[in-house]
Amino acid sequence: NLGTKKRNLSQEDLFNFSELFKLMKPR
């Protein structure tokens, strides 16, 4: 369960970073 939580947290952090990056208007 601990390993699953770590993986989920990592995926969530990656998702948040992706959305923050979109704020920067990549194009």
PDB file of all heavy atoms in Angstrom:
ATOM      1  N   ASN A   1       0.827  -1.208   0.000  1.00  0.00           N
ATOM      2  CA  ASN A   1       0.000   0.000   0.000  1.00  0.00           C
ATOM      3  C   ASN A   1       0.857   1.251   0.000  1.00  0.00           C
ATOM      4  O   ASN A   1       0.557   2.247  -0.651  1.00  0.00           O
ATOM      5  CB  ASN A   1      -0.917   0.011   1.225  1.00  0.00           C
ATOM      6  CG  ASN A   1      -2.021  -1.022   1.121  1.00  0.00           C
ATOM      7  OD1 ASN A   1      -2.343  -1.445   0.008  1.00  0.00           O
ATOM      8  ND2 ASN A   1      -2.577  -1.434   2.251  1.00  0.00           N
ATOM      9  N   LEU A   2       1.958   1.206   0.774  1.00  0.00           N
ATOM     10  CA  LEU A   2       2.864   2.344   0.838  1.00  0.00           C
ATOM     11  C   LEU A   2       3.476   2.626  -0.526  1.00  0.00           C
ATOM     12  O   LEU A   2       3.570   3.777  -0.967  1.00  0.00           O
ATOM     13  CB  LEU A   2       3.974   2.064   1.865  1.00  0.00           C
ATOM     14  CG  LEU A   2       5.001   3.191   2.090  1.00  0.00           C
ATOM     15  CD1 LEU A   2       4.292   4.448   2.600  1.00  0.00           C
ATOM     16  CD2 LEU A   2       6.068   2.751   3.077  1.00  0.00           C
ATOM     17  N   GLY A   3       3.864   1.541  -1.220  1.00  0.00           N
ATOM     18  CA  GLY A   3       4.431   1.714  -2.558  1.00  0.00           C
ATOM     19  C   GLY A   3       3.438   2.294  -3.528  1.00  0.00           C
ATOM     20  O   GLY A   3       3.764   3.141  -4.352  1.00  0.00           O
ATOM     21  N   THR A   4       2.165   1.865  -3.409  1.00  0.00           N
ATOM     22  CA  THR A   4       1.106   2.390  -4.275  1.00  0.00           C
ATOM     23  C   THR A   4       0.896   3.872  -4.036  1.00  0.00           C
ATOM     24  O   THR A   4       0.753   4.663  -4.969  1.00  0.00           O
ATOM     25  CB  THR A   4      -0.206   1.625  -4.025  1.00  0.00           C
ATOM     26  OG1 THR A   4       0.017   0.247  -4.267  1.00  0.00           O
ATOM     27  CG2 THR A   4      -1.301   2.138  -4.949  1.00  0.00           C
ATOM     28  N   LYS A   5       0.901   4.260  -2.741  1.00  0.00           N
ATOM     29  CA  LYS A   5       0.705   5.672  -2.407  1.00  0.00           C
ATOM     30  C   LYS A   5       1.823   6.536  -2.968  1.00  0.00           C
ATOM     31  O   LYS A   5       1.608   7.629  -3.466  1.00  0.00           O
ATOM     32  CB  LYS A   5       0.634   5.837  -0.880  1.00  0.00           C
ATOM     33  CG  LYS A   5      -0.682   5.343  -0.281  1.00  0.00           C
ATOM     34  CD  LYS A   5      -0.684   5.532   1.224  1.00  0.00           C
ATOM     35  CE  LYS A   5      -1.991   5.022   1.838  1.00  0.00           C
ATOM     36  NZ  LYS A   5      -2.001   5.160   3.306  1.00  0.00           N
ATOM     37  N   LYS A   6       3.055   6.000  -2.875  1.00  0.00           N
ATOM     38  CA  LYS A   6       4.193   6.750  -3.412  1.00  0.00           C
ATOM     39  C   LYS A   6       4.074   6.934  -4.918  1.00  0.00           C
ATOM     40  O   LYS A   6       4.355   8.002  -5.450  1.00  0.00           O
ATOM     41  CB  LYS A   6       5.496   6.032  -3.066  1.00  0.00           C
ATOM     42  CG  LYS A   6       5.903   6.180  -1.603  1.00  0.00           C
ATOM     43  CD  LYS A   6       7.223   5.495  -1.344  1.00  0.00           C
ATOM     44  CE  LYS A   6       7.666   5.690   0.092  1.00  0.00           C
ATOM     45  NZ  LYS A   6       8.946   5.001   0.371  1.00  0.00           N
ATOM     46  N   ARG A   7       3.642   5.862  -5.591  1.00  0.00           N
ATOM     47  CA  ARG A   7       3.480   5.958  -7.045  1.00  0.00           C
ATOM     48  C   ARG A   7       2.385   6.950  -7.405  1.00  0.00           C
ATOM     49  O   ARG A   7       2.533   7.757  -8.308  1.00  0.00           O
ATOM     50  CB  ARG A   7       3.165   4.584  -7.631  1.00  0.00           C
ATOM     51  CG  ARG A   7       4.381   3.673  -7.762  1.00  0.00           C
ATOM     52  CD  ARG A   7       4.081   2.510  -8.694  1.00  0.00           C
ATOM     53  NE  ARG A   7       3.001   1.687  -8.185  1.00  0.00           N
ATOM     54  CZ  ARG A   7       3.173   0.680  -7.349  1.00  0.00           C
ATOM     55  NH1 ARG A   7       4.382   0.401  -6.879  1.00  0.00           N
ATOM     56  NH2 ARG A   7       2.137  -0.036  -6.946  1.00  0.00           N
ATOM     57  N   ASN A   8       1.268   6.903  -6.656  1.00  0.00           N
ATOM     58  CA  ASN A   8       0.162   7.821  -6.918  1.00  0.00           C
ATOM     59  C   ASN A   8       0.567   9.264  -6.682  1.00  0.00           C
ATOM     60  O   ASN A   8       0.216  10.159  -7.431  1.00  0.00           O
ATOM     61  CB  ASN A   8      -1.045   7.465  -6.039  1.00  0.00           C
ATOM     62  CG  ASN A   8      -1.709   6.174  -6.469  1.00  0.00           C
ATOM     63  OD1 ASN A   8      -1.517   5.738  -7.598  1.00  0.00           O
ATOM     64  ND2 ASN A   8      -2.469   5.550  -5.583  1.00  0.00           N
ATOM     65  N   LEU A   9       1.337   9.468  -5.600  1.00  0.00           N
ATOM     66  CA  LEU A   9       1.795  10.818  -5.285  1.00  0.00           C
ATOM     67  C   LEU A   9       2.700  11.333  -6.398  1.00  0.00           C
ATOM     68  O   LEU A   9       2.591  12.476  -6.832  1.00  0.00           O
ATOM     69  CB  LEU A   9       2.547  10.808  -3.951  1.00  0.00           C
ATOM     70  CG  LEU A   9       3.102  12.159  -3.469  1.00  0.00           C
ATOM     71  CD1 LEU A   9       1.961  13.152  -3.277  1.00  0.00           C
ATOM     72  CD2 LEU A   9       3.889  11.987  -2.183  1.00  0.00           C
ATOM     73  N   SER A  10       3.551  10.460  -6.880  1.00  0.00           N
ATOM     74  CA  SER A  10       4.453  10.848  -7.954  1.00  0.00           C
ATOM     75  C   SER A  10       3.682  11.210  -9.218  1.00  0.00           C
ATOM     76  O   SER A  10       3.970  12.202  -9.878  1.00  0.00           O
ATOM     77  CB  SER A  10       5.432   9.710  -8.240  1.00  0.00           C
ATOM     78  OG  SER A  10       6.269  10.037  -9.316  1.00  0.00           O
ATOM     79  N   GLN A  11       2.662  10.422  -9.531  1.00  0.00           N
ATOM     80  CA  GLN A  11       1.839  10.696 -10.712  1.00  0.00           C
ATOM     81  C   GLN A  11       1.077  12.011 -10.548  1.00  0.00           C
ATOM     82  O   GLN A  11       0.943  12.793 -11.485  1.00  0.00           O
ATOM     83  CB  GLN A  11       0.872   9.542 -10.941  1.00  0.00           C
ATOM     84  CG  GLN A  11       1.551   8.270 -11.423  1.00  0.00           C
ATOM     85  CD  GLN A  11       0.625   7.064 -11.392  1.00  0.00           C
ATOM     86  OE1 GLN A  11      -0.535   7.182 -11.018  1.00  0.00           O
ATOM     87  NE2 GLN A  11       1.152   5.922 -11.768  1.00  0.00           N
ATOM     88  N   GLU A  12       0.606  12.263  -9.334  1.00  0.00           N
ATOM     89  CA  GLU A  12      -0.140  13.503  -9.076  1.00  0.00           C
ATOM     90  C   GLU A  12       0.771  14.714  -9.196  1.00  0.00           C
ATOM     91  O   GLU A  12       0.398  15.737  -9.779  1.00  0.00           O
ATOM     92  CB  GLU A  12      -0.755  13.451  -7.675  1.00  0.00           C
ATOM     93  CG  GLU A  12      -1.625  14.663  -7.354  1.00  0.00           C
ATOM     94  CD  GLU A  12      -2.233  14.580  -5.964  1.00  0.00           C
ATOM     95  OE1 GLU A  12      -2.247  13.479  -5.381  1.00  0.00           O
ATOM     96  OE2 GLU A  12      -2.678  15.624  -5.460  1.00  0.00           O
ATOM     97  N   ASP A  13       1.987  14.586  -8.652  1.00  0.00           N
ATOM     98  CA  ASP A  13       2.936  15.691  -8.758  1.00  0.00           C
ATOM     99  C   ASP A  13       3.273  15.979 -10.219  1.00  0.00           C
ATOM    100  O   ASP A  13       3.373  17.136 -10.633  1.00  0.00           O
ATOM    101  CB  ASP A  13       4.230  15.352  -8.003  1.00  0.00           C
ATOM    102  CG  ASP A  13       4.027  15.369  -6.495  1.00  0.00           C
ATOM    103  OD1 ASP A  13       3.019  15.949  -6.058  1.00  0.00           O
ATOM    104  OD2 ASP A  13       4.859  14.786  -5.777  1.00  0.00           O
ATOM    105  N   LEU A  14       3.443  14.905 -10.993  1.00  0.00           N
ATOM    106  CA  LEU A  14       3.749  15.060 -12.413  1.00  0.00           C
ATOM    107  C   LEU A  14       2.601  15.748 -13.135  1.00  0.00           C
ATOM    108  O   LEU A  14       2.808  16.617 -13.989  1.00  0.00           O
ATOM    109  CB  LEU A  14       4.018  13.689 -13.034  1.00  0.00           C
ATOM    110  CG  LEU A  14       4.530  13.668 -14.481  1.00  0.00           C
ATOM    111  CD1 LEU A  14       5.875  14.375 -14.573  1.00  0.00           C
ATOM    112  CD2 LEU A  14       4.661  12.238 -14.983  1.00  0.00           C
ATOM    113  N   PHE A  15       1.359  15.371 -12.759  1.00  0.00           N
ATOM    114  CA  PHE A  15       0.181  15.987 -13.369  1.00  0.00           C
ATOM    115  C   PHE A  15       0.126  17.483 -13.046  1.00  0.00           C
ATOM    116  O   PHE A  15      -0.124  18.306 -13.924  1.00  0.00           O
ATOM    117  CB  PHE A  15      -1.083  15.294 -12.850  1.00  0.00           C
ATOM    118  CG  PHE A  15      -2.361  15.944 -13.283  1.00  0.00           C
ATOM    119  CD1 PHE A  15      -2.850  15.769 -14.572  1.00  0.00           C
ATOM    120  CD2 PHE A  15      -3.075  16.765 -12.421  1.00  0.00           C
ATOM    121  CE1 PHE A  15      -4.018  16.380 -14.983  1.00  0.00           C
ATOM    122  CE2 PHE A  15      -4.246  17.381 -12.817  1.00  0.00           C
ATOM    123  CZ  PHE A  15      -4.714  17.182 -14.096  1.00  0.00           C
ATOM    124  N   ASN A  16       0.392  17.836 -11.775  1.00  0.00           N
ATOM    125  CA  ASN A  16       0.359  19.243 -11.369  1.00  0.00           C
ATOM    126  C   ASN A  16       1.421  20.047 -12.100  1.00  0.00           C
ATOM    127  O   ASN A  16       1.184  21.188 -12.502  1.00  0.00           O
ATOM    128  CB  ASN A  16       0.564  19.364  -9.855  1.00  0.00           C
ATOM    129  CG  ASN A  16      -0.644  18.882  -9.068  1.00  0.00           C
ATOM    130  OD1 ASN A  16      -1.752  18.828  -9.600  1.00  0.00           O
ATOM    131  ND2 ASN A  16      -0.435  18.514  -7.818  1.00  0.00           N
ATOM    132  N   PHE A  17       2.605  19.448 -12.253  1.00  0.00           N
ATOM    133  CA  PHE A  17       3.668  20.137 -12.976  1.00  0.00           C
ATOM    134  C   PHE A  17       3.257  20.373 -14.423  1.00  0.00           C
ATOM    135  O   PHE A  17       3.511  21.440 -14.987  1.00  0.00           O
ATOM    136  CB  PHE A  17       4.957  19.314 -12.935  1.00  0.00           C
ATOM    137  CG  PHE A  17       6.070  19.907 -13.748  1.00  0.00           C
ATOM    138  CD1 PHE A  17       6.811  20.977 -13.274  1.00  0.00           C
ATOM    139  CD2 PHE A  17       6.367  19.420 -15.014  1.00  0.00           C
ATOM    140  CE1 PHE A  17       7.827  21.540 -14.023  1.00  0.00           C
ATOM    141  CE2 PHE A  17       7.380  19.970 -15.784  1.00  0.00           C
ATOM    142  CZ  PHE A  17       8.116  21.034 -15.277  1.00  0.00           C
ATOM    143  N   SER A  18       2.620  19.385 -15.021  1.00  0.00           N
ATOM    144  CA  SER A  18       2.163  19.508 -16.402  1.00  0.00           C
ATOM    145  C   SER A  18       1.177  20.656 -16.560  1.00  0.00           C
ATOM    146  O   SER A  18       1.253  21.433 -17.520  1.00  0.00           O
ATOM    147  CB  SER A  18       1.519  18.191 -16.854  1.00  0.00           C
ATOM    148  OG  SER A  18       0.936  18.329 -18.124  1.00  0.00           O
ATOM    149  N   GLU A  19       0.253  20.777 -15.595  1.00  0.00           N
ATOM    150  CA  GLU A  19      -0.744  21.842 -15.660  1.00  0.00           C
ATOM    151  C   GLU A  19      -0.107  23.215 -15.406  1.00  0.00           C
ATOM    152  O   GLU A  19      -0.488  24.204 -16.030  1.00  0.00           O
ATOM    153  CB  GLU A  19      -1.862  21.590 -14.644  1.00  0.00           C
ATOM    154  CG  GLU A  19      -2.709  20.355 -14.952  1.00  0.00           C
ATOM    155  CD  GLU A  19      -3.334  20.398 -16.343  1.00  0.00           C
ATOM    156  OE1 GLU A  19      -3.775  21.483 -16.772  1.00  0.00           O
ATOM    157  OE2 GLU A  19      -3.369  19.351 -17.007  1.00  0.00           O
ATOM    158  N   LEU A  20       0.848  23.269 -14.505  1.00  0.00           N
ATOM    159  CA  LEU A  20       1.556  24.528 -14.257  1.00  0.00           C
ATOM    160  C   LEU A  20       2.344  24.946 -15.491  1.00  0.00           C
ATOM    161  O   LEU A  20       2.408  26.126 -15.839  1.00  0.00           O
ATOM    162  CB  LEU A  20       2.497  24.387 -13.057  1.00  0.00           C
ATOM    163  CG  LEU A  20       1.853  24.342 -11.671  1.00  0.00           C
ATOM    164  CD1 LEU A  20       2.888  24.037 -10.604  1.00  0.00           C
ATOM    165  CD2 LEU A  20       1.138  25.659 -11.344  1.00  0.00           C
ATOM    166  N   PHE A  21       2.932  23.956 -16.162  1.00  0.00           N
ATOM    167  CA  PHE A  21       3.684  24.247 -17.385  1.00  0.00           C
ATOM    168  C   PHE A  21       2.770  24.839 -18.460  1.00  0.00           C
ATOM    169  O   PHE A  21       3.179  25.742 -19.200  1.00  0.00           O
ATOM    170  CB  PHE A  21       4.357  22.976 -17.902  1.00  0.00           C
ATOM    171  CG  PHE A  21       5.186  23.194 -19.146  1.00  0.00           C
ATOM    172  CD1 PHE A  21       6.364  23.912 -19.089  1.00  0.00           C
ATOM    173  CD2 PHE A  21       4.773  22.687 -20.371  1.00  0.00           C
ATOM    174  CE1 PHE A  21       7.133  24.122 -20.237  1.00  0.00           C
ATOM    175  CE2 PHE A  21       5.522  22.895 -21.515  1.00  0.00           C
ATOM    176  CZ  PHE A  21       6.706  23.613 -21.441  1.00  0.00           C
ATOM    177  N   LYS A  22       1.532  24.361 -18.528  1.00  0.00           N
ATOM    178  CA  LYS A  22       0.575  24.888 -19.507  1.00  0.00           C
ATOM    179  C   LYS A  22       0.278  26.361 -19.260  1.00  0.00           C
ATOM    180  O   LYS A  22      -0.071  27.098 -20.189  1.00  0.00           O
ATOM    181  CB  LYS A  22      -0.719  24.084 -19.473  1.00  0.00           C
ATOM    182  CG  LYS A  22      -0.597  22.681 -20.035  1.00  0.00           C
ATOM    183  CD  LYS A  22      -1.906  21.916 -19.903  1.00  0.00           C
ATOM    184  CE  LYS A  22      -1.757  20.474 -20.373  1.00  0.00           C
ATOM    185  NZ  LYS A  22      -3.007  19.701 -20.173  1.00  0.00           N
ATOM    186  N   LEU A  23       0.383  26.797 -17.991  1.00  0.00           N
ATOM    187  CA  LEU A  23       0.174  28.208 -17.673  1.00  0.00           C
ATOM    188  C   LEU A  23       1.187  29.097 -18.381  1.00  0.00           C
ATOM    189  O   LEU A  23       0.938  30.279 -18.616  1.00  0.00           O
ATOM    190  CB  LEU A  23       0.297  28.436 -16.161  1.00  0.00           C
ATOM    191  CG  LEU A  23      -0.818  27.937 -15.243  1.00  0.00           C
ATOM    192  CD1 LEU A  23      -0.420  28.144 -13.788  1.00  0.00           C
ATOM    193  CD2 LEU A  23      -2.132  28.653 -15.537  1.00  0.00           C
ATOM    194  N   MET A  24       2.330  28.532 -18.725  1.00  0.00           N
ATOM    195  CA  MET A  24       3.411  29.315 -19.326  1.00  0.00           C
ATOM    196  C   MET A  24       3.235  29.504 -20.837  1.00  0.00           C
ATOM    197  O   MET A  24       4.098  30.078 -21.486  1.00  0.00           O
ATOM    198  CB  MET A  24       4.749  28.634 -19.037  1.00  0.00           C
ATOM    199  CG  MET A  24       5.065  28.494 -17.557  1.00  0.00           C
ATOM    200  SD  MET A  24       6.550  27.510 -17.233  1.00  0.00           S
ATOM    201  CE  MET A  24       7.833  28.655 -17.739  1.00  0.00           C
ATOM    202  N   LYS A  25       2.122  29.006 -21.373  1.00  0.00           N
ATOM    203  CA  LYS A  25       1.831  29.130 -22.803  1.00  0.00           C
ATOM    204  C   LYS A  25       2.989  28.567 -23.641  1.00  0.00           C
ATOM    205  O   LYS A  25       3.738  29.319 -24.288  1.00  0.00           O
ATOM    206  CB  LYS A  25       1.546  30.581 -23.181  1.00  0.00           C
ATOM    207  CG  LYS A  25       0.348  31.177 -22.468  1.00  0.00           C
ATOM    208  CD  LYS A  25       0.002  32.568 -22.991  1.00  0.00           C
ATOM    209  CE  LYS A  25      -1.253  33.130 -22.325  1.00  0.00           C
ATOM    210  NZ  LYS A  25      -1.617  34.462 -22.840  1.00  0.00           N
ATOM    211  N   PRO A  26       3.152  27.242 -23.645  1.00  0.00           N
ATOM    212  CA  PRO A  26       4.298  26.607 -24.325  1.00  0.00           C
ATOM    213  C   PRO A  26       4.479  27.006 -25.785  1.00  0.00           C
ATOM    214  O   PRO A  26       5.611  27.147 -26.256  1.00  0.00           O
ATOM    215  CB  PRO A  26       3.990  25.111 -24.199  1.00  0.00           C
ATOM    216  CG  PRO A  26       3.131  25.007 -22.987  1.00  0.00           C
ATOM    217  CD  PRO A  26       2.306  26.258 -22.957  1.00  0.00           C
ATOM    218  N   ARG A  27       3.366  27.188 -26.522  1.00  0.00           N
ATOM    219  CA  ARG A  27       3.508  27.560 -27.942  1.00  0.00           C
ATOM    220  C   ARG A  27       4.114  28.942 -28.091  1.00  0.00           C
ATOM    221  O   ARG A  27       4.930  29.184 -28.983  1.00  0.00           O
ATOM    222  CB  ARG A  27       2.151  27.476 -28.643  1.00  0.00           C
ATOM    223  CG  ARG A  27       1.730  26.057 -28.967  1.00  0.00           C
ATOM    224  CD  ARG A  27       0.450  26.012 -29.765  1.00  0.00           C
ATOM    225  NE  ARG A  27      -0.693  26.510 -29.014  1.00  0.00           N
ATOM    226  CZ  ARG A  27      -1.934  26.549 -29.463  1.00  0.00           C
ATOM    227  NH1 ARG A  27      -2.198  26.125 -30.696  1.00  0.00           N
ATOM    228  NH2 ARG A  27      -2.922  27.005 -28.721  1.00  0.00           N
TER     229      ARG A  27
END
